[in-house]
Amino acid sequence: MCVVCRGRFPKGELTRYVRSDDAAGTDQGPVPDPAKTRPGRGYYVCGQARCREQFPKMIKGLMKKRAR
């Protein structure tokens, strides 16, 4: 399911993003996971242009909620 439009799509049609935690402990936000194998909770975004454009703005709010 796309986190932006909440549309249901086959997993192969979605792009997966995961949190990037580097060794220093700073969080740079989500990074693409094309192989869909990185550990951690993933965010899935469909291929629609509107969803790809809104995802960076929307993810900031999601990351704040998770940090609590």
Foldseek 3Di string as FASTA:
>chain_A
DAPQPPDDDPPLQKWKWFWDQDPVRDTPFTDTDRVPPDDDDIHIHGPDPVRVVCVVVVRVVVVVVVVD
